[in-house]
Protein backbone atom coordinates (compact mmCIF):
# COMPACT_ATOMS: atom_id res chain seq x y z
CA MET A 1 -4.53 9.63 -20.58
CA SER A 2 -2.09 7.23 -22.19
CA TYR A 3 -1.37 3.88 -20.60
CA PHE A 4 2.34 4.79 -20.41
CA VAL A 5 1.56 7.87 -18.29
CA LEU A 6 -0.73 5.84 -16.02
CA VAL A 7 1.90 3.11 -15.55
CA THR A 8 4.60 5.71 -14.83
CA LEU A 9 2.48 7.60 -12.28
CA HIS A 10 1.40 4.34 -10.67
CA LEU A 11 4.97 3.08 -10.49
CA PHE A 12 6.37 6.26 -8.89
CA ALA A 13 3.53 6.41 -6.36
CA ALA A 14 3.99 2.69 -5.60
CA ILE A 15 7.73 3.19 -5.08
CA PHE A 16 7.01 6.04 -2.66
CA PHE A 17 4.33 4.12 -0.78
CA VAL A 18 6.09 0.73 -0.66
CA GLY A 19 9.39 2.42 0.22
CA THR A 20 7.76 4.19 3.14
CA VAL A 21 6.16 0.98 4.39
CA PHE A 22 9.47 -0.88 3.95
CA PHE A 23 11.31 1.80 5.96
CA GLU A 24 8.77 1.75 8.76
CA VAL A 25 8.67 -2.04 9.07
CA MET A 26 12.24 -3.08 8.33
CA ILE A 27 14.22 -0.07 9.65
CA LEU A 28 12.08 1.81 12.14
CA GLU A 29 10.89 -1.29 14.02
CA SER A 30 14.51 -2.27 14.71
CA LEU A 31 14.92 1.03 16.59
CA ARG A 32 12.06 0.35 19.01
CA GLU A 33 14.18 -1.35 21.67
CA PRO A 34 17.33 0.86 21.50
CA LEU A 35 15.31 4.11 21.54
CA GLY A 36 12.90 3.14 24.30
CA ARG A 37 9.15 3.48 24.58
CA ASP A 38 8.86 7.27 25.04
CA THR A 39 11.28 8.20 22.28
CA MET A 40 9.72 5.68 19.91
CA ARG A 41 6.27 7.08 20.62
CA ARG A 42 7.51 10.59 19.75
CA VAL A 43 9.05 9.25 16.53
CA GLU A 44 5.78 7.52 15.60
CA VAL A 45 3.79 10.70 16.27
CA ALA A 46 6.20 12.76 14.12
CA ILE A 47 6.09 10.24 11.29
CA GLY A 48 2.31 10.10 11.56
CA LYS A 49 2.01 13.88 11.20
CA ARG A 50 4.20 13.89 8.10
CA ALA A 51 2.46 10.86 6.62
CA ARG A 52 -0.96 12.48 7.06
CA ARG A 53 0.29 15.42 4.97
CA VAL A 54 2.04 13.51 2.18
CA MET A 55 0.43 10.10 1.88
CA PRO A 56 -3.07 11.21 0.85
CA PHE A 57 -1.60 12.68 -2.36
CA VAL A 58 0.49 9.55 -2.97
CA ILE A 59 -2.58 7.36 -2.39
CA ILE A 60 -4.71 9.45 -4.74
CA VAL A 61 -2.14 9.16 -7.55
CA LEU A 62 -1.55 5.46 -6.84
CA TYR A 63 -5.22 4.45 -6.86
CA THR A 64 -6.35 6.82 -9.63
CA ALA A 65 -3.63 5.54 -11.96
CA GLY A 66 -4.41 1.98 -10.85
CA ILE A 67 -8.07 2.42 -11.72
CA GLY A 68 -7.10 3.87 -15.10
CA MET A 69 -4.82 0.91 -15.75
CA ALA A 70 -7.45 -1.60 -14.61
CA TRP A 71 -9.94 -0.03 -17.02
CA GLN A 72 -7.71 -1.27 -19.86
CA TYR A 73 -8.31 -4.82 -18.61
CA ARG A 74 -12.03 -4.53 -17.89
CA ALA A 75 -12.78 -7.53 -20.14
CA SER A 76 -10.52 -9.75 -18.01
CA LEU A 77 -12.00 -8.32 -14.83
CA ALA A 78 -15.56 -8.96 -16.05
CA ASN A 79 -14.88 -12.70 -15.83
CA PRO A 80 -11.82 -13.11 -13.57
CA PHE A 81 -12.04 -16.91 -13.38
CA ALA A 82 -11.69 -17.27 -17.16
CA SER A 83 -7.94 -16.64 -17.13
CA SER A 84 -4.99 -16.69 -14.79
CA PHE A 85 -4.36 -13.03 -15.68
CA GLY A 86 -7.89 -12.01 -14.65
CA MET A 87 -7.68 -13.98 -11.43
CA LEU A 88 -4.27 -12.58 -10.45
CA LEU A 89 -5.32 -9.02 -11.35
CA SER A 90 -8.52 -9.42 -9.30
CA LEU A 91 -6.49 -10.69 -6.34
CA LYS A 92 -4.10 -7.74 -6.72
CA ILE A 93 -7.05 -5.32 -6.71
CA LEU A 94 -8.56 -7.03 -3.66
CA LEU A 95 -5.25 -6.68 -1.78
CA ALA A 96 -4.99 -3.03 -2.89
CA LEU A 97 -8.48 -2.36 -1.49
CA SER A 98 -7.41 -3.98 1.78
CA VAL A 99 -4.34 -1.71 1.90
CA LEU A 100 -6.63 1.28 1.33
CA ALA A 101 -8.82 0.13 4.23
CA HIS A 102 -5.70 -0.14 6.45
CA PHE A 103 -4.63 3.35 5.38
CA ILE A 104 -8.04 4.84 6.10
CA THR A 105 -8.07 3.12 9.50
CA ALA A 106 -4.65 4.54 10.40
CA ILE A 107 -5.47 8.03 9.10
CA THR A 108 -8.73 7.99 11.10
CA LEU A 109 -7.37 6.62 14.38
CA GLY A 110 -4.20 8.77 14.44
CA PRO A 111 -5.69 12.25 14.87
CA ARG A 112 -8.13 10.95 17.49
CA GLY A 113 -5.25 9.60 19.57
CA LYS A 114 -6.42 6.00 19.24
CA LEU A 115 -3.49 4.75 17.16
CA ARG A 116 -1.29 3.12 19.79
CA SER A 117 2.17 1.69 19.18
CA ARG A 118 0.76 -1.82 18.98
CA HIS A 119 -1.80 -0.77 16.35
CA PHE A 120 0.87 1.21 14.47
CA LYS A 121 3.06 -1.88 14.30
CA MET A 122 0.27 -4.31 13.38
CA ILE A 123 -1.08 -2.10 10.61
CA HIS A 124 2.38 -1.56 9.14
CA VAL A 125 3.31 -5.24 9.19
CA SER A 126 -0.03 -6.16 7.59
CA VAL A 127 0.37 -3.48 4.90
CA PHE A 128 3.97 -4.63 4.32
CA ILE A 129 2.78 -8.19 3.65
CA HIS A 130 -0.01 -6.90 1.41
CA VAL A 131 2.29 -4.69 -0.68
CA ALA A 132 4.88 -7.48 -1.02
CA LEU A 133 2.13 -9.71 -2.42
CA ILE A 134 0.89 -6.90 -4.68
CA VAL A 135 4.39 -6.38 -6.11
CA PHE A 136 4.67 -10.13 -6.73
CA LEU A 137 1.24 -10.26 -8.39
CA ALA A 138 2.07 -7.22 -10.55
CA LYS A 139 4.74 -9.30 -12.26
CA ALA A 140 3.10 -12.72 -11.94
CA MET A 141 0.05 -11.52 -13.89
CA PHE A 142 2.17 -11.34 -17.02
CA TYR A 143 4.31 -14.45 -16.52
CA VAL A 144 2.30 -17.05 -14.58
CA THR A 145 -0.38 -18.96 -16.44
CA TRP A 146 -2.41 -22.08 -15.84
C-alpha cells in the first residue's frame, strides 16, 4: 500500500478519534453539572454503546495505517536515540500504545458495568492529553531537531 494511502487513512481515523475525544472532554464534561448525575449517566451509557460499535473500526484503521507508516521509518526506530526524529517517533508510538491500553480498558470495563462516571472522566482526560501530545509530536518529528 502506498505511503500516501496510509497517511490519508491514518489522518482520517485520527481526526475521527481525536474529534470524539475532544467532544467528550471539552463539550460533554461541561454538561455534567447542568444535566445532573442521572441524566449524565444515561448520556454516558448511550455514548458508550455507540462508541463500542464504531470505535473498534476507527482504531483498527488508525493503528494499522500507523504501523504501515512506522515501517517506512524502521531504520530510525531501530536506534531511536541516534536522531531527534527517531526519539520523537518512538515517544509518539509509546503514547499511542498507552492510548490503546486506555481504549481496551474502557471497552472491557463498560460492558461489565464497571466503568463508572469517575473512570469515564479520568480515562477521557488522560486520552485527551495523550492525543494532544501525539498531534504535537506528529509535526515536531519533522521540524524539531537537536
